[in-house]
């Protein structure tokens, strides 16, 4: 990729998305190792947070800030609910999405 293409991508949001996807895979593996079925709503929140963070990685996309805010809220809340087991990396993904949101340039008024 050229330097110009990388300038349009927010790396913290991509890291948050990758971490959320990795935790979704780990969650499914861990729960199946215990002989249980993964909860659909947990997977839905992890994957939705990952998709929203990946969308928010594009610096020039419309609704980028809303997507990053939703990803940060979903991932941080889920991570806090699972804090005693696999929650810390999920909280980290949520905080990375929030950091990406705070690094975003403010939209300029016309």
N, C-alpha and C. Protein backbone atom coordinates (compact mmCIF):
# COMPACT_ATOMS: atom_id res chain seq x y z
N UNK A 1 0.84 -1.18 0.00
CA UNK A 1 0.00 0.00 0.00
C UNK A 1 0.87 1.23 0.00
N UNK A 2 0.37 2.25 -0.61
CA UNK A 2 1.12 3.49 -0.63
C UNK A 2 0.90 4.25 0.67
N UNK A 3 1.76 5.22 0.89
CA UNK A 3 1.65 6.03 2.11
C UNK A 3 0.34 6.79 2.14
N UNK A 4 -0.15 7.16 0.97
CA UNK A 4 -1.41 7.90 0.89
C UNK A 4 -2.59 7.03 1.34
N UNK A 5 -2.58 5.76 0.96
CA UNK A 5 -3.66 4.86 1.37
C UNK A 5 -3.61 4.60 2.87
N UNK A 6 -2.40 4.45 3.42
CA UNK A 6 -2.28 4.22 4.86
C UNK A 6 -2.72 5.44 5.65
N UNK A 7 -2.58 6.63 5.08
CA UNK A 7 -2.98 7.85 5.78
C UNK A 7 -4.48 7.91 5.98
N UNK A 8 -5.24 7.15 5.19
CA UNK A 8 -6.70 7.15 5.31
C UNK A 8 -7.21 6.06 6.24
N UNK A 9 -6.31 5.32 6.87
CA UNK A 9 -6.70 4.21 7.74
C UNK A 9 -6.25 4.51 9.17
N UNK A 10 -7.15 4.31 10.12
CA UNK A 10 -6.84 4.50 11.54
C UNK A 10 -6.38 3.16 12.12
N UNK A 11 -5.10 3.04 12.50
CA UNK A 11 -4.59 1.74 12.96
C UNK A 11 -5.20 1.26 14.27
N UNK A 12 -5.54 2.16 15.19
CA UNK A 12 -6.10 1.72 16.46
C UNK A 12 -7.45 1.03 16.26
N UNK A 13 -8.24 1.53 15.34
CA UNK A 13 -9.54 0.91 15.06
C UNK A 13 -9.35 -0.48 14.44
N UNK A 14 -8.36 -0.62 13.57
CA UNK A 14 -8.09 -1.93 12.98
C UNK A 14 -7.61 -2.93 14.03
N UNK A 15 -6.79 -2.47 14.95
CA UNK A 15 -6.33 -3.34 16.03
C UNK A 15 -7.49 -3.76 16.91
N UNK A 16 -8.40 -2.83 17.20
CA UNK A 16 -9.58 -3.15 18.00
C UNK A 16 -10.43 -4.20 17.30
N UNK A 17 -10.61 -4.06 15.99
CA UNK A 17 -11.40 -5.03 15.23
C UNK A 17 -10.74 -6.40 15.23
N UNK A 18 -9.43 -6.43 15.03
CA UNK A 18 -8.72 -7.71 15.01
C UNK A 18 -8.76 -8.38 16.38
N UNK A 19 -8.64 -7.60 17.43
CA UNK A 19 -8.70 -8.15 18.79
C UNK A 19 -10.09 -8.71 19.09
N UNK A 20 -11.13 -8.01 18.65
CA UNK A 20 -12.49 -8.49 18.88
C UNK A 20 -12.75 -9.79 18.11
N UNK A 21 -12.26 -9.88 16.89
CA UNK A 21 -12.44 -11.11 16.12
C UNK A 21 -11.65 -12.25 16.76
N UNK A 22 -10.44 -11.96 17.20
CA UNK A 22 -9.64 -12.98 17.87
C UNK A 22 -10.31 -13.47 19.15
N UNK A 23 -10.91 -12.57 19.89
CA UNK A 23 -11.60 -12.97 21.11
C UNK A 23 -12.87 -13.76 20.81
N UNK A 24 -13.53 -13.47 19.70
CA UNK A 24 -14.71 -14.26 19.31
C UNK A 24 -14.29 -15.69 19.01
N UNK A 25 -13.20 -15.86 18.29
CA UNK A 25 -12.70 -17.19 17.97
C UNK A 25 -12.28 -17.92 19.25
N UNK A 26 -11.57 -17.21 20.12
CA UNK A 26 -11.13 -17.81 21.38
C UNK A 26 -12.33 -18.17 22.26
N UNK A 27 -13.35 -17.33 22.28
CA UNK A 27 -14.55 -17.59 23.09
C UNK A 27 -15.23 -18.87 22.63
N UNK A 28 -15.41 -19.03 21.32
CA UNK A 28 -16.04 -20.24 20.79
C UNK A 28 -15.20 -21.46 21.16
N UNK A 29 -13.89 -21.38 20.98
CA UNK A 29 -13.02 -22.51 21.30
C UNK A 29 -13.09 -22.86 22.79
N UNK A 30 -13.02 -21.85 23.65
CA UNK A 30 -13.02 -22.07 25.09
C UNK A 30 -14.34 -22.69 25.56
N UNK A 31 -15.44 -22.17 25.10
CA UNK A 31 -16.75 -22.68 25.53
C UNK A 31 -16.96 -24.11 25.03
N UNK A 32 -16.53 -24.39 23.82
CA UNK A 32 -16.66 -25.77 23.31
C UNK A 32 -15.75 -26.73 24.04
N UNK A 33 -14.58 -26.27 24.50
CA UNK A 33 -13.70 -27.12 25.29
C UNK A 33 -14.34 -27.49 26.62
N UNK A 34 -15.21 -26.63 27.12
CA UNK A 34 -15.91 -26.89 28.37
C UNK A 34 -17.17 -27.71 28.16
N UNK A 35 -17.47 -28.06 26.90
CA UNK A 35 -18.63 -28.89 26.61
C UNK A 35 -19.94 -28.12 26.53
N UNK A 36 -19.88 -26.82 26.33
CA UNK A 36 -21.08 -26.00 26.25
C UNK A 36 -21.20 -25.38 24.86
N UNK A 37 -22.32 -24.72 24.65
CA UNK A 37 -22.55 -23.98 23.41
C UNK A 37 -22.31 -22.49 23.67
N UNK A 38 -21.65 -21.79 22.74
CA UNK A 38 -21.44 -20.34 22.92
C UNK A 38 -22.78 -19.60 22.90
N UNK A 39 -22.87 -18.56 23.68
CA UNK A 39 -24.08 -17.76 23.70
C UNK A 39 -24.15 -16.89 22.45
N UNK A 40 -25.25 -16.93 21.73
CA UNK A 40 -25.35 -16.17 20.47
C UNK A 40 -25.22 -14.66 20.68
N UNK A 41 -25.75 -14.13 21.78
CA UNK A 41 -25.68 -12.69 21.97
C UNK A 41 -24.26 -12.22 22.25
N UNK A 42 -23.44 -13.07 22.87
CA UNK A 42 -22.05 -12.70 23.11
C UNK A 42 -21.30 -12.65 21.78
N UNK A 43 -21.51 -13.66 20.95
CA UNK A 43 -20.88 -13.66 19.63
C UNK A 43 -21.36 -12.50 18.79
N UNK A 44 -22.65 -12.19 18.86
CA UNK A 44 -23.20 -11.08 18.09
C UNK A 44 -22.56 -9.76 18.51
N UNK A 45 -22.41 -9.54 19.80
CA UNK A 45 -21.78 -8.30 20.27
C UNK A 45 -20.31 -8.22 19.87
N UNK A 46 -19.59 -9.33 19.99
CA UNK A 46 -18.18 -9.33 19.60
C UNK A 46 -18.02 -9.05 18.11
N UNK A 47 -18.81 -9.71 17.30
CA UNK A 47 -18.68 -9.53 15.85
C UNK A 47 -19.21 -8.16 15.40
N UNK A 48 -20.27 -7.68 16.03
CA UNK A 48 -20.77 -6.34 15.70
C UNK A 48 -19.73 -5.28 16.09
N UNK A 49 -19.13 -5.44 17.26
CA UNK A 49 -18.08 -4.51 17.66
C UNK A 49 -16.90 -4.53 16.70
N UNK A 50 -16.54 -5.74 16.25
CA UNK A 50 -15.43 -5.85 15.30
C UNK A 50 -15.77 -5.19 13.96
N UNK A 51 -16.98 -5.42 13.47
CA UNK A 51 -17.38 -4.82 12.20
C UNK A 51 -17.47 -3.30 12.30
N UNK A 52 -18.01 -2.81 13.40
CA UNK A 52 -18.11 -1.36 13.57
C UNK A 52 -16.72 -0.72 13.70
N UNK A 53 -15.82 -1.37 14.41
CA UNK A 53 -14.46 -0.84 14.53
C UNK A 53 -13.74 -0.87 13.18
N UNK A 54 -13.95 -1.94 12.42
CA UNK A 54 -13.32 -2.02 11.09
C UNK A 54 -13.88 -0.94 10.17
N UNK A 55 -15.17 -0.69 10.25
CA UNK A 55 -15.75 0.41 9.46
C UNK A 55 -15.17 1.74 9.89
N UNK A 56 -15.02 1.92 11.21
CA UNK A 56 -14.49 3.17 11.73
C UNK A 56 -13.03 3.40 11.42
N UNK A 57 -12.35 2.40 10.90
CA UNK A 57 -10.93 2.55 10.53
C UNK A 57 -10.76 3.44 9.31
N UNK A 58 -11.79 3.56 8.51
CA UNK A 58 -11.72 4.45 7.35
C UNK A 58 -11.93 5.89 7.78
N UNK A 59 -10.91 6.72 7.67
CA UNK A 59 -10.98 8.08 8.19
C UNK A 59 -11.93 8.98 7.42
N UNK A 60 -12.26 8.64 6.19
CA UNK A 60 -13.10 9.52 5.38
C UNK A 60 -14.52 9.01 5.22
N UNK A 61 -14.89 7.97 5.95
CA UNK A 61 -16.23 7.39 5.80
C UNK A 61 -17.26 8.17 6.61
N UNK A 62 -18.49 8.27 6.06
CA UNK A 62 -19.54 8.92 6.85
C UNK A 62 -19.93 8.03 8.03
N UNK A 63 -20.39 8.62 9.09
CA UNK A 63 -20.83 7.93 10.30
C UNK A 63 -19.70 7.16 10.98
N UNK A 64 -18.48 7.53 10.70
CA UNK A 64 -17.32 6.87 11.31
C UNK A 64 -17.33 7.02 12.82
N UNK A 65 -17.59 8.23 13.29
CA UNK A 65 -17.57 8.49 14.72
C UNK A 65 -18.66 7.71 15.44
N UNK A 66 -19.83 7.63 14.84
CA UNK A 66 -20.93 6.87 15.45
C UNK A 66 -20.59 5.38 15.51
N UNK A 67 -19.95 4.87 14.46
CA UNK A 67 -19.57 3.46 14.45
C UNK A 67 -18.54 3.17 15.53
N UNK A 68 -17.56 4.04 15.68
CA UNK A 68 -16.53 3.83 16.70
C UNK A 68 -17.11 3.96 18.11
N UNK A 69 -18.05 4.88 18.28
CA UNK A 69 -18.69 5.03 19.60
C UNK A 69 -19.51 3.78 19.94
N UNK A 70 -20.23 3.26 18.96
CA UNK A 70 -21.01 2.04 19.20
C UNK A 70 -20.10 0.85 19.48
N UNK A 71 -19.01 0.73 18.73
CA UNK A 71 -18.06 -0.36 18.95
C UNK A 71 -17.43 -0.26 20.34
N UNK A 72 -17.04 0.95 20.72
CA UNK A 72 -16.44 1.14 22.05
C UNK A 72 -17.43 0.79 23.15
N UNK A 73 -18.66 1.22 23.00
CA UNK A 73 -19.67 0.92 24.02
C UNK A 73 -19.98 -0.56 24.13
N UNK A 74 -20.16 -1.21 22.98
CA UNK A 74 -20.51 -2.64 22.98
C UNK A 74 -19.36 -3.48 23.53
N UNK A 75 -18.15 -3.23 23.06
CA UNK A 75 -17.02 -4.05 23.48
C UNK A 75 -16.64 -3.81 24.93
N UNK A 76 -16.67 -2.57 25.37
CA UNK A 76 -16.32 -2.28 26.76
C UNK A 76 -17.35 -2.88 27.71
N UNK A 77 -18.63 -2.74 27.37
CA UNK A 77 -19.68 -3.30 28.22
C UNK A 77 -19.58 -4.82 28.30
N UNK A 78 -19.40 -5.46 27.15
CA UNK A 78 -19.26 -6.91 27.13
C UNK A 78 -18.01 -7.35 27.90
N UNK A 79 -16.93 -6.62 27.73
CA UNK A 79 -15.71 -6.95 28.46
C UNK A 79 -15.87 -6.83 29.96
N UNK A 80 -16.60 -5.83 30.40
CA UNK A 80 -16.84 -5.68 31.84
C UNK A 80 -17.71 -6.80 32.38
N UNK A 81 -18.66 -7.26 31.57
CA UNK A 81 -19.50 -8.39 31.99
C UNK A 81 -18.69 -9.68 32.11
N UNK A 82 -17.67 -9.82 31.28
CA UNK A 82 -16.87 -11.04 31.26
C UNK A 82 -15.50 -10.84 31.92
N UNK A 83 -15.41 -9.85 32.77
CA UNK A 83 -14.12 -9.46 33.32
C UNK A 83 -13.41 -10.58 34.07
N UNK A 84 -14.15 -11.45 34.72
CA UNK A 84 -13.52 -12.51 35.49
C UNK A 84 -13.04 -13.68 34.65
N UNK A 85 -13.36 -13.69 33.36
CA UNK A 85 -12.87 -14.79 32.52
C UNK A 85 -12.06 -14.25 31.34
N UNK A 86 -12.70 -13.84 30.27
CA UNK A 86 -11.97 -13.39 29.09
C UNK A 86 -12.18 -11.91 28.82
N UNK A 87 -12.57 -11.16 29.82
CA UNK A 87 -12.99 -9.78 29.62
C UNK A 87 -11.91 -8.76 29.36
N UNK A 88 -10.70 -8.97 29.90
CA UNK A 88 -9.67 -7.94 29.76
C UNK A 88 -9.32 -7.61 28.31
N UNK A 89 -9.09 -8.59 27.44
CA UNK A 89 -8.80 -8.23 26.05
C UNK A 89 -9.98 -7.57 25.34
N UNK A 90 -11.20 -7.91 25.75
CA UNK A 90 -12.38 -7.29 25.14
C UNK A 90 -12.49 -5.84 25.60
N UNK A 91 -12.21 -5.58 26.87
CA UNK A 91 -12.18 -4.20 27.35
C UNK A 91 -11.09 -3.42 26.61
N UNK A 92 -9.95 -4.05 26.39
CA UNK A 92 -8.86 -3.39 25.65
C UNK A 92 -9.31 -3.03 24.24
N UNK A 93 -10.04 -3.91 23.58
CA UNK A 93 -10.55 -3.62 22.23
C UNK A 93 -11.51 -2.43 22.27
N UNK A 94 -12.37 -2.39 23.28
CA UNK A 94 -13.28 -1.25 23.42
C UNK A 94 -12.55 0.05 23.67
N UNK A 95 -11.52 0.00 24.49
CA UNK A 95 -10.75 1.21 24.77
C UNK A 95 -9.94 1.66 23.56
N UNK A 96 -9.48 0.71 22.75
CA UNK A 96 -8.79 1.08 21.51
C UNK A 96 -9.75 1.76 20.54
N UNK A 97 -10.98 1.26 20.46
CA UNK A 97 -11.97 1.91 19.60
C UNK A 97 -12.27 3.32 20.11
N UNK A 98 -12.34 3.48 21.43
CA UNK A 98 -12.57 4.80 22.01
C UNK A 98 -11.38 5.72 21.73
N UNK A 99 -10.18 5.22 21.87
CA UNK A 99 -8.99 6.02 21.57
C UNK A 99 -8.96 6.44 20.11
N UNK A 100 -9.38 5.55 19.23
CA UNK A 100 -9.45 5.88 17.81
C UNK A 100 -10.48 6.98 17.57
N UNK A 101 -11.57 6.90 18.28
CA UNK A 101 -12.61 7.93 18.17
C UNK A 101 -12.07 9.28 18.63
N UNK A 102 -11.34 9.31 19.73
CA UNK A 102 -10.83 10.55 20.26
C UNK A 102 -9.71 11.13 19.39
N UNK A 103 -9.01 10.28 18.65
CA UNK A 103 -7.96 10.76 17.75
C UNK A 103 -8.52 11.30 16.47
N UNK A 104 -9.80 11.01 16.19
CA UNK A 104 -10.40 11.40 14.91
C UNK A 104 -10.51 12.93 14.84
N UNK A 105 -10.21 13.48 13.68
CA UNK A 105 -10.37 14.93 13.53
C UNK A 105 -11.85 15.30 13.60
N UNK A 106 -12.13 16.42 14.22
CA UNK A 106 -13.51 16.88 14.34
C UNK A 106 -14.00 17.35 12.97
N UNK A 107 -15.29 17.04 12.65
CA UNK A 107 -15.81 17.51 11.37
C UNK A 107 -15.88 19.04 11.36
N UNK A 108 -15.55 19.58 10.23
CA UNK A 108 -15.53 21.05 10.10
C UNK A 108 -16.90 21.56 9.68
N UNK A 109 -17.28 22.67 10.25
CA UNK A 109 -18.56 23.28 9.89
C UNK A 109 -18.41 23.98 8.54
N UNK A 110 -19.46 23.94 7.72
CA UNK A 110 -19.35 24.59 6.38
C UNK A 110 -19.30 26.08 6.46
